[in-house]
Amino acid sequence: MSVRTTRTALVGVAVATALGATSLTSTAVAAPTAPTPHGHRATQAAIDDIVRNGAPGVVAEARDRYGVWKGDAGVADRDSGRKRRHNDRYRVASITKIFVSTVMLQLEAEGRLDLDDSVEKWLPGTVRGNGHDGRSITLRRLLNHTSGIYDYTSDPDFRATRNGPGFLEHRYDTWTPDQLVAVAMRHEPRFAPGTDWSYSNTNYVLAGLVIEKVTGRPYGSETERRIIRPLKLRATSVPGTDVRLPRPSGRAYSTLGADPADPATTIHDVTELNPSGAWAAGELISDNADLQRFLSALLTGRLLPERQLKEMTTAVPVDGSNADDGYGLGLRTLKLSCGTQVWGHTGGIRGSSSFVAADRSGTHTMAANANGDWTGGLGKVLEAEFCR
């Protein structure tokens, strides 16, 4: 789950910050890969650079008309030195939002809700207080982050328990979605609904609650029934309050906000955590292969009718970006330096930085994960792959 509130890009908070050199860990860099007819050498070099500059490990996978390419560097476990596996599972964080938006759009296609319904219609009295008013916020504005609703992950008290040293004491705490929304309601909105754009995890907690109200079932059960099982995403799961990562997986590491370039900084093993503090905004676990299979199926029309897919890929402007960048309904779009337009999402949660992306045809896809949350450089991996 992203911990920033506004102005995220596809290569956003968890993957676009520059890496600082660090002497805190000794990591192995994968040997240079042999030339391939499909030109992945630059992609592998970008992965190697991330690890060379301090990340514990990176695992990446790309699929195109030539087949499947897999790259890795560094370690899954800093103590044992075990290398990362291509089928490592990890917390995908805000990539969860694509799944949630897809379920919501399927419900619209079935006539069970309308994206122009108000939040108040489905969750009466939930979005109230300090200027928030669910009567003036539509479901569409939840999904494209134009609601103005305050992001609960920006609340100073919440951040203290999730992102800094307080994490070690509170890593096993359970949060209910109603509690997460209540945190947001203690603050004023960012802006009037529909007048601006601001990334807010609260939007997707509310979307999860709407799914549950419409279907009468947990949002996670609907995600499994509608997406995970039909696509046979065997590495993808909705963990609930389970603090463990299923095998195979590596360890996850964090500096808990401390400067990674400072030799005195401790790198903490944060593999175990209760993901309920992310819930429908970012709790899913998956792997590179499953994420690509899902995004390709979505963009090629296997999960949504044409009308709903068009709605999903209709992007609103994101402040600070150029005219070719924007945010759709759970999907971020970005024009790379070579002119290629990609669609996908990033994900950042304690110990994990990830992205999944594809061209609009869904035939060229990529997913990658670093098992450290202070690392950057995954944006360079994206550029290297799609601009080769």
Protein backbone atom coordinates (compact mmCIF):
# COMPACT_ATOMS: atom_id res chain seq x y z
CA MET A 1 0.00 0.00 0.00
CA SER A 2 1.37 3.34 -0.89
CA VAL A 3 2.11 5.58 2.08
CA ARG A 4 2.02 8.82 0.10
CA THR A 5 -1.17 10.72 -0.39
CA THR A 6 -0.76 12.66 -3.60
CA ARG A 7 0.95 12.89 -6.94
CA THR A 8 2.08 9.29 -7.33
CA ALA A 9 3.31 8.02 -10.69
CA LEU A 10 3.43 4.51 -12.04
CA VAL A 11 7.01 4.50 -10.89
CA GLY A 12 5.83 6.13 -7.67
CA VAL A 13 6.78 6.42 -4.04
CA ALA A 14 8.12 2.94 -3.47
CA VAL A 15 9.98 2.52 -6.73
CA ALA A 16 11.03 5.90 -8.04
CA THR A 17 13.07 7.35 -5.18
CA ALA A 18 16.78 7.38 -5.89
CA LEU A 19 18.85 4.71 -4.21
CA GLY A 20 21.58 5.79 -1.90
CA ALA A 21 24.72 3.72 -1.54
CA THR A 22 24.80 1.75 1.69
CA SER A 23 27.30 -0.38 3.52
CA LEU A 24 24.59 -1.98 5.63
CA THR A 25 24.37 -5.18 3.65
CA SER A 26 26.50 -7.31 1.44
CA THR A 27 24.37 -8.52 -1.45
CA ALA A 28 25.17 -10.67 -4.43
CA VAL A 29 24.56 -9.30 -7.90
CA ALA A 30 23.54 -11.74 -10.58
CA ALA A 31 26.16 -12.46 -13.20
CA PRO A 32 25.60 -10.64 -16.48
CA THR A 33 23.12 -12.47 -18.62
CA ALA A 34 24.08 -13.72 -22.04
CA PRO A 35 22.71 -11.77 -25.00
CA THR A 36 19.22 -12.84 -26.02
CA PRO A 37 17.45 -12.25 -29.33
CA HIS A 38 14.80 -10.32 -27.46
CA GLY A 39 17.05 -7.68 -25.88
CA HIS A 40 16.63 -8.07 -22.11
CA ARG A 41 20.24 -7.24 -21.28
CA ALA A 42 19.36 -3.65 -20.35
CA THR A 43 16.55 -4.87 -18.12
CA GLN A 44 18.88 -7.23 -16.28
CA ALA A 45 21.48 -4.47 -15.96
CA ALA A 46 18.86 -2.20 -14.36
CA ILE A 47 18.02 -4.93 -11.86
CA ASP A 48 21.70 -5.45 -11.07
CA ASP A 49 22.12 -1.72 -10.44
CA ILE A 50 19.36 -1.70 -7.83
CA VAL A 51 21.08 -4.43 -5.84
CA ARG A 52 24.53 -2.93 -6.38
CA ASN A 53 23.22 0.24 -4.77
CA GLY A 54 21.87 -1.43 -1.66
CA ALA A 55 18.64 -3.37 -2.25
CA PRO A 56 18.55 -6.86 -0.71
CA GLY A 57 17.17 -8.52 -3.85
CA VAL A 58 15.05 -8.04 -6.94
CA VAL A 59 13.06 -10.50 -9.01
CA ALA A 60 11.46 -9.57 -12.34
CA GLU A 61 9.61 -11.25 -15.18
CA ALA A 62 8.51 -10.06 -18.62
CA ARG A 63 6.28 -11.65 -21.24
CA ASP A 64 5.96 -10.67 -24.88
CA ARG A 65 5.39 -12.30 -28.25
CA TYR A 66 8.78 -13.98 -28.01
CA GLY A 67 8.06 -15.74 -24.74
CA VAL A 68 8.94 -15.33 -21.06
CA TRP A 69 12.08 -13.71 -19.64
CA LYS A 70 13.05 -13.95 -15.97
CA GLY A 71 15.68 -11.90 -14.23
CA ASP A 72 16.93 -11.64 -10.66
CA ALA A 73 19.69 -10.22 -8.52
CA GLY A 74 20.59 -10.21 -4.86
CA VAL A 75 19.23 -12.32 -2.05
CA ALA A 76 15.92 -13.41 -0.60
CA ASP A 77 17.44 -13.86 2.86
CA ARG A 78 20.27 -11.65 4.13
CA ASP A 79 21.21 -14.15 6.84
CA SER A 80 21.43 -17.33 4.79
CA GLY A 81 22.38 -15.67 1.49
CA ARG A 82 19.69 -17.63 -0.33
CA LYS A 83 19.00 -16.12 -3.73
CA ARG A 84 15.61 -14.95 -4.82
CA ARG A 85 13.41 -17.39 -6.73
CA HIS A 86 11.38 -16.43 -9.75
CA ASN A 87 8.22 -17.77 -8.10
CA ASP A 88 8.73 -15.87 -4.84
CA ARG A 89 5.47 -14.55 -3.45
CA TYR A 90 5.34 -11.06 -1.97
CA ARG A 91 2.95 -8.43 -0.68
CA VAL A 92 1.75 -6.51 -3.74
CA ALA A 93 0.34 -3.58 -1.72
CA SER A 94 -1.52 -1.04 -3.88
CA ILE A 95 -1.56 -3.33 -6.91
CA THR A 96 -4.55 -4.73 -4.97
CA LYS A 97 -6.47 -1.68 -6.21
CA ILE A 98 -6.63 -3.07 -9.76
CA PHE A 99 -8.35 -6.19 -8.44
CA VAL A 100 -10.84 -4.22 -6.35
CA SER A 101 -11.70 -1.87 -9.20
CA THR A 102 -12.22 -4.84 -11.52
CA VAL A 103 -14.72 -6.40 -9.10
CA MET A 104 -16.57 -3.08 -8.81
CA LEU A 105 -16.77 -2.75 -12.60
CA GLN A 106 -18.04 -6.31 -12.92
CA LEU A 107 -20.82 -5.43 -10.50
CA GLU A 108 -21.66 -2.41 -12.64
CA ALA A 109 -21.76 -4.59 -15.75
CA GLU A 110 -24.23 -6.86 -13.94
CA GLY A 111 -26.47 -3.90 -13.14
CA ARG A 112 -25.98 -4.25 -9.40
CA LEU A 113 -24.53 -0.77 -8.94
CA ASP A 114 -23.77 2.34 -10.97
CA LEU A 115 -20.43 4.13 -10.79
CA ASP A 116 -22.38 7.38 -10.51
CA ASP A 117 -24.13 6.15 -7.36
CA SER A 118 -23.19 8.16 -4.29
CA VAL A 119 -21.14 6.60 -1.53
CA GLU A 120 -23.99 7.57 0.79
CA LYS A 121 -26.39 5.30 -1.12
CA TRP A 122 -24.37 2.21 -0.26
CA LEU A 123 -22.66 3.28 2.97
CA PRO A 124 -25.09 5.66 4.67
CA GLY A 125 -23.48 7.87 7.30
CA THR A 126 -19.99 6.38 6.79
CA VAL A 127 -18.37 9.34 5.02
CA ARG A 128 -19.27 12.18 7.33
CA GLY A 129 -17.38 14.64 9.49
CA ASN A 130 -14.94 17.52 9.17
CA GLY A 131 -16.33 18.47 5.78
CA HIS A 132 -16.58 14.96 4.29
CA ASP A 133 -19.98 14.19 2.79
CA GLY A 134 -20.64 10.86 1.08
CA ARG A 135 -23.72 12.32 -0.63
CA SER A 136 -21.50 14.32 -3.00
CA ILE A 137 -18.96 11.57 -3.71
CA THR A 138 -19.60 8.96 -6.39
CA LEU A 139 -18.16 5.46 -6.60
CA ARG A 140 -16.27 6.56 -9.71
CA ARG A 141 -14.53 9.26 -7.68
CA LEU A 142 -13.39 6.63 -5.21
CA LEU A 143 -11.83 4.55 -7.95
CA ASN A 144 -10.01 7.39 -9.73
CA HIS A 145 -8.99 9.27 -6.57
CA THR A 146 -10.95 12.44 -7.29
CA SER A 147 -13.08 12.14 -4.12
CA GLY A 148 -10.93 14.45 -2.02
CA ILE A 149 -11.27 12.06 0.93
CA TYR A 150 -8.34 12.24 3.34
CA ASP A 151 -5.87 9.34 3.12
CA TYR A 152 -5.87 7.57 6.48
CA THR A 153 -2.25 6.49 5.95
CA SER A 154 -1.26 10.17 6.19
CA ASP A 155 -2.63 10.44 9.72
CA PRO A 156 0.37 11.09 12.02
CA ASP A 157 -0.74 8.61 14.68
CA PHE A 158 -1.42 5.89 12.13
CA ARG A 159 1.93 6.51 10.44
CA ALA A 160 3.72 6.27 13.78
CA THR A 161 2.41 2.73 14.25
CA ARG A 162 2.96 1.56 10.66
CA ASN A 163 5.96 3.31 9.19
CA GLY A 164 8.45 4.27 11.88
CA PRO A 165 9.99 2.50 14.89
CA GLY A 166 6.47 2.02 16.26
CA PHE A 167 5.97 -0.64 13.60
CA LEU A 168 7.91 -3.17 15.69
CA GLU A 169 5.45 -2.80 18.55
CA HIS A 170 2.31 -2.65 16.41
CA ARG A 171 3.12 -4.99 13.50
CA TYR A 172 0.55 -7.56 14.67
CA ASP A 173 -2.29 -5.11 15.38
CA THR A 174 -5.62 -5.82 13.70
CA TRP A 175 -7.54 -2.96 12.09
CA THR A 176 -11.13 -3.11 10.87
CA PRO A 177 -12.06 -1.21 7.70
CA ASP A 178 -14.47 0.94 9.73
CA GLN A 179 -11.58 1.94 11.99
CA LEU A 180 -9.47 2.90 8.96
CA VAL A 181 -12.27 5.09 7.58
CA ALA A 182 -12.77 6.66 11.01
CA VAL A 183 -9.10 7.71 11.02
CA ALA A 184 -9.67 9.56 7.74
CA MET A 185 -12.85 11.23 9.00
CA ARG A 186 -10.87 12.94 11.78
CA HIS A 187 -9.36 15.17 9.08
CA GLU A 188 -10.70 17.65 6.56
CA PRO A 189 -10.98 16.60 2.89
CA ARG A 190 -8.13 17.48 0.55
CA PHE A 191 -10.53 19.28 -1.79
CA ALA A 192 -14.15 19.36 -2.93
CA PRO A 193 -15.15 16.15 -4.78
CA GLY A 194 -14.26 16.18 -8.47
CA THR A 195 -12.16 19.36 -8.38
CA ASP A 196 -8.68 17.80 -8.15
CA TRP A 197 -6.78 14.53 -7.86
CA SER A 198 -5.17 13.10 -4.73
CA TYR A 199 -4.15 9.50 -4.07
CA SER A 200 -6.04 8.18 -1.05
CA ASN A 201 -6.04 4.65 0.27
CA THR A 202 -9.30 5.45 2.08
CA ASN A 203 -11.03 5.43 -1.32
CA TYR A 204 -10.32 1.73 -1.76
CA VAL A 205 -11.22 0.77 1.79
CA LEU A 206 -14.60 2.33 1.01
CA ALA A 207 -14.73 0.51 -2.34
CA GLY A 208 -14.19 -2.77 -0.50
CA LEU A 209 -17.03 -1.93 1.88
CA VAL A 210 -19.31 -1.12 -1.06
CA ILE A 211 -18.52 -4.48 -2.66
CA GLU A 212 -19.46 -6.19 0.59
CA LYS A 213 -22.72 -4.21 0.90
CA VAL A 214 -23.75 -4.99 -2.70
CA THR A 215 -22.85 -8.69 -2.66
CA GLY A 216 -23.35 -9.62 0.98
CA ARG A 217 -19.95 -11.34 0.93
CA PRO A 218 -16.43 -10.30 1.97
CA TYR A 219 -14.64 -8.33 -0.72
CA GLY A 220 -11.83 -10.89 -0.58
CA SER A 221 -14.24 -13.74 -1.29
CA GLU A 222 -15.60 -11.84 -4.30
CA THR A 223 -12.06 -11.22 -5.53
CA GLU A 224 -11.27 -14.92 -5.25
CA ARG A 225 -14.54 -16.00 -6.89
CA ARG A 226 -14.43 -13.53 -9.77
CA ILE A 227 -10.71 -13.21 -10.54
CA ILE A 228 -8.31 -15.44 -8.65
CA ARG A 229 -9.99 -18.81 -9.22
CA PRO A 230 -11.17 -18.25 -12.84
CA LEU A 231 -7.68 -17.14 -13.90
CA LYS A 232 -6.03 -19.91 -11.83
CA LEU A 233 -3.84 -17.42 -9.98
CA ARG A 234 -2.44 -20.03 -7.64
CA ALA A 235 0.13 -17.72 -6.04
CA THR A 236 -2.42 -14.99 -5.29
CA SER A 237 -4.23 -14.78 -1.97
CA VAL A 238 -6.18 -12.43 0.27
CA PRO A 239 -4.48 -12.88 3.66
CA GLY A 240 -6.94 -11.12 5.99
CA THR A 241 -5.15 -11.01 9.34
CA ASP A 242 -2.63 -13.77 8.59
CA VAL A 243 0.80 -12.28 9.32
CA ARG A 244 2.78 -14.85 7.34
CA LEU A 245 3.98 -14.90 3.75
CA PRO A 246 3.15 -18.22 2.07
CA ARG A 247 6.00 -20.23 0.59
CA PRO A 248 7.91 -19.88 -1.62
CA SER A 249 8.88 -16.41 -0.54
CA GLY A 250 11.86 -14.44 0.63
CA ARG A 251 12.29 -12.22 3.65
CA ALA A 252 11.16 -8.58 3.58
CA TYR A 253 13.34 -5.77 4.92
CA SER A 254 12.92 -2.16 6.06
CA THR A 255 14.94 0.66 7.59
CA LEU A 256 11.67 1.88 9.17
CA GLY A 257 12.25 5.32 7.74
CA ALA A 258 15.88 5.69 8.78
CA ASP A 259 18.51 6.81 6.29
CA PRO A 260 19.83 3.69 4.50
CA ALA A 261 23.08 5.51 3.72
CA ASP A 262 23.85 5.95 7.43
CA PRO A 263 26.13 3.11 8.61
CA ALA A 264 24.35 3.20 11.99
CA THR A 265 20.97 2.41 10.43
CA THR A 266 19.54 -1.02 11.21
CA ILE A 267 17.81 -3.04 8.52
CA HIS A 268 14.87 -4.85 10.11
CA ASP A 269 13.23 -8.06 9.03
CA VAL A 270 9.58 -7.04 8.61
CA THR A 271 8.35 -10.17 6.83
CA GLU A 272 5.63 -10.80 9.37
CA LEU A 273 2.94 -8.13 9.63
CA ASN A 274 -0.82 -7.96 9.96
CA PRO A 275 -2.07 -6.66 6.59
CA SER A 276 -5.48 -5.58 7.90
CA GLY A 277 -4.11 -2.02 8.09
CA ALA A 278 -4.11 -2.09 4.29
CA TRP A 279 -7.25 -4.19 3.65
CA ALA A 280 -8.82 -3.53 0.23
CA ALA A 281 -6.31 -0.76 -0.44
CA GLY A 282 -3.35 -3.11 -0.44
CA GLU A 283 -3.39 -6.47 1.33
CA LEU A 284 -3.02 -9.01 -1.51
CA ILE A 285 -0.10 -11.41 -1.92
CA SER A 286 0.97 -12.64 -5.36
CA ASP A 287 3.97 -13.28 -7.61
CA ASN A 288 5.26 -11.91 -10.90
CA ALA A 289 3.64 -14.54 -13.12
CA ASP A 290 0.17 -14.18 -11.58
CA LEU A 291 0.23 -10.39 -11.73
CA GLN A 292 1.07 -10.44 -15.42
CA ARG A 293 -1.56 -13.06 -16.17
CA PHE A 294 -4.16 -10.93 -14.39
CA LEU A 295 -3.22 -7.63 -16.05
CA SER A 296 -3.07 -9.23 -19.51
CA ALA A 297 -6.49 -10.85 -19.01
CA LEU A 298 -7.90 -7.51 -17.88
CA LEU A 299 -6.55 -5.45 -20.79
CA THR A 300 -7.53 -8.05 -23.40
CA GLY A 301 -11.18 -8.03 -22.29
CA ARG A 302 -11.38 -11.38 -20.50
CA LEU A 303 -12.61 -9.86 -17.22
CA LEU A 304 -14.72 -6.87 -18.26
CA PRO A 305 -17.11 -6.00 -21.08
CA GLU A 306 -15.91 -3.38 -23.54
CA ARG A 307 -17.86 -0.55 -21.90
CA GLN A 308 -16.43 -1.17 -18.45
CA LEU A 309 -12.90 -1.62 -19.76
CA LYS A 310 -13.22 1.71 -21.55
CA GLU A 311 -14.31 3.30 -18.27
CA MET A 312 -11.38 1.75 -16.47
CA THR A 313 -8.87 3.08 -18.98
CA THR A 314 -10.34 6.58 -19.13
CA ALA A 315 -7.76 8.48 -17.13
CA VAL A 316 -8.02 11.76 -15.26
CA PRO A 317 -5.00 14.09 -15.09
CA VAL A 318 -2.52 13.69 -12.27
CA ASP A 319 -0.99 16.97 -11.12
CA GLY A 320 2.64 17.34 -12.06
CA SER A 321 2.42 14.84 -14.92
CA ASN A 322 2.31 15.43 -18.65
CA ALA A 323 -0.81 15.12 -20.76
CA ASP A 324 -0.12 11.46 -21.52
CA ASP A 325 -0.06 10.43 -17.84
CA GLY A 326 -3.10 9.89 -15.69
CA TYR A 327 -5.12 7.63 -13.40
CA GLY A 328 -8.06 5.57 -14.59
CA LEU A 329 -10.19 3.35 -12.37
CA GLY A 330 -7.52 1.51 -10.39
CA LEU A 331 -5.05 1.75 -13.27
CA ARG A 332 -2.25 4.26 -13.72
CA THR A 333 -1.06 5.13 -17.21
CA LEU A 334 2.35 6.54 -18.04
CA LYS A 335 4.14 7.53 -21.24
CA LEU A 336 7.75 6.39 -21.08
CA SER A 337 10.74 8.28 -22.46
CA CYS A 338 10.65 6.26 -25.70
CA GLY A 339 6.99 7.10 -26.31
CA THR A 340 5.55 3.74 -25.21
CA GLN A 341 2.36 4.05 -23.15
CA VAL A 342 2.02 1.56 -20.31
CA TRP A 343 -0.76 0.71 -17.87
CA GLY A 344 -0.44 -0.77 -14.41
CA HIS A 345 0.21 0.10 -10.79
CA THR A 346 2.92 0.27 -8.16
CA GLY A 347 2.78 -1.16 -4.68
CA GLY A 348 4.72 -0.24 -1.57
CA ILE A 349 4.29 -1.74 1.90
CA ARG A 350 6.72 -2.46 4.72
CA GLY A 351 9.47 -4.59 3.22
CA SER A 352 8.22 -4.66 -0.36
CA SER A 353 8.33 -2.45 -3.47
CA SER A 354 6.65 -3.69 -6.65
CA PHE A 355 5.06 -2.86 -9.97
CA VAL A 356 3.10 -4.54 -12.72
CA ALA A 357 2.75 -2.92 -16.14
CA ALA A 358 1.65 -3.70 -19.68
CA ASP A 359 1.18 -2.07 -23.04
CA ARG A 360 -2.45 -1.33 -23.86
CA SER A 361 -2.78 -4.49 -25.94
CA GLY A 362 -1.86 -6.58 -22.91
CA THR A 363 0.65 -8.60 -24.96
CA HIS A 364 3.83 -7.14 -23.44
CA THR A 365 3.75 -7.31 -19.66
CA MET A 366 6.19 -7.02 -16.80
CA ALA A 367 6.18 -7.37 -13.02
CA ALA A 368 9.00 -6.83 -10.55
CA ASN A 369 9.59 -6.79 -6.81
CA ALA A 370 12.33 -5.61 -4.48
CA ASN A 371 12.27 -7.09 -0.99
CA GLY A 372 13.25 -3.79 0.63
CA ASP A 373 11.04 -0.72 1.03
CA TRP A 374 13.77 1.94 1.02
CA THR A 375 14.97 1.03 -2.44
CA GLY A 376 14.39 2.84 -5.70
CA GLY A 377 15.25 2.16 -9.30
CA LEU A 378 12.36 -0.06 -10.36
CA GLY A 379 11.29 2.74 -12.67
CA LYS A 380 14.55 2.24 -14.55
CA VAL A 381 13.69 -1.45 -14.90
CA LEU A 382 10.35 -0.48 -16.43
CA GLU A 383 12.02 1.90 -18.87
CA ALA A 384 14.67 -0.63 -19.80
CA GLU A 385 12.10 -3.32 -20.59
CA PHE A 386 9.56 -1.32 -22.56
CA CYS A 387 12.02 0.98 -24.32
CA ARG A 388 14.47 -1.71 -25.52
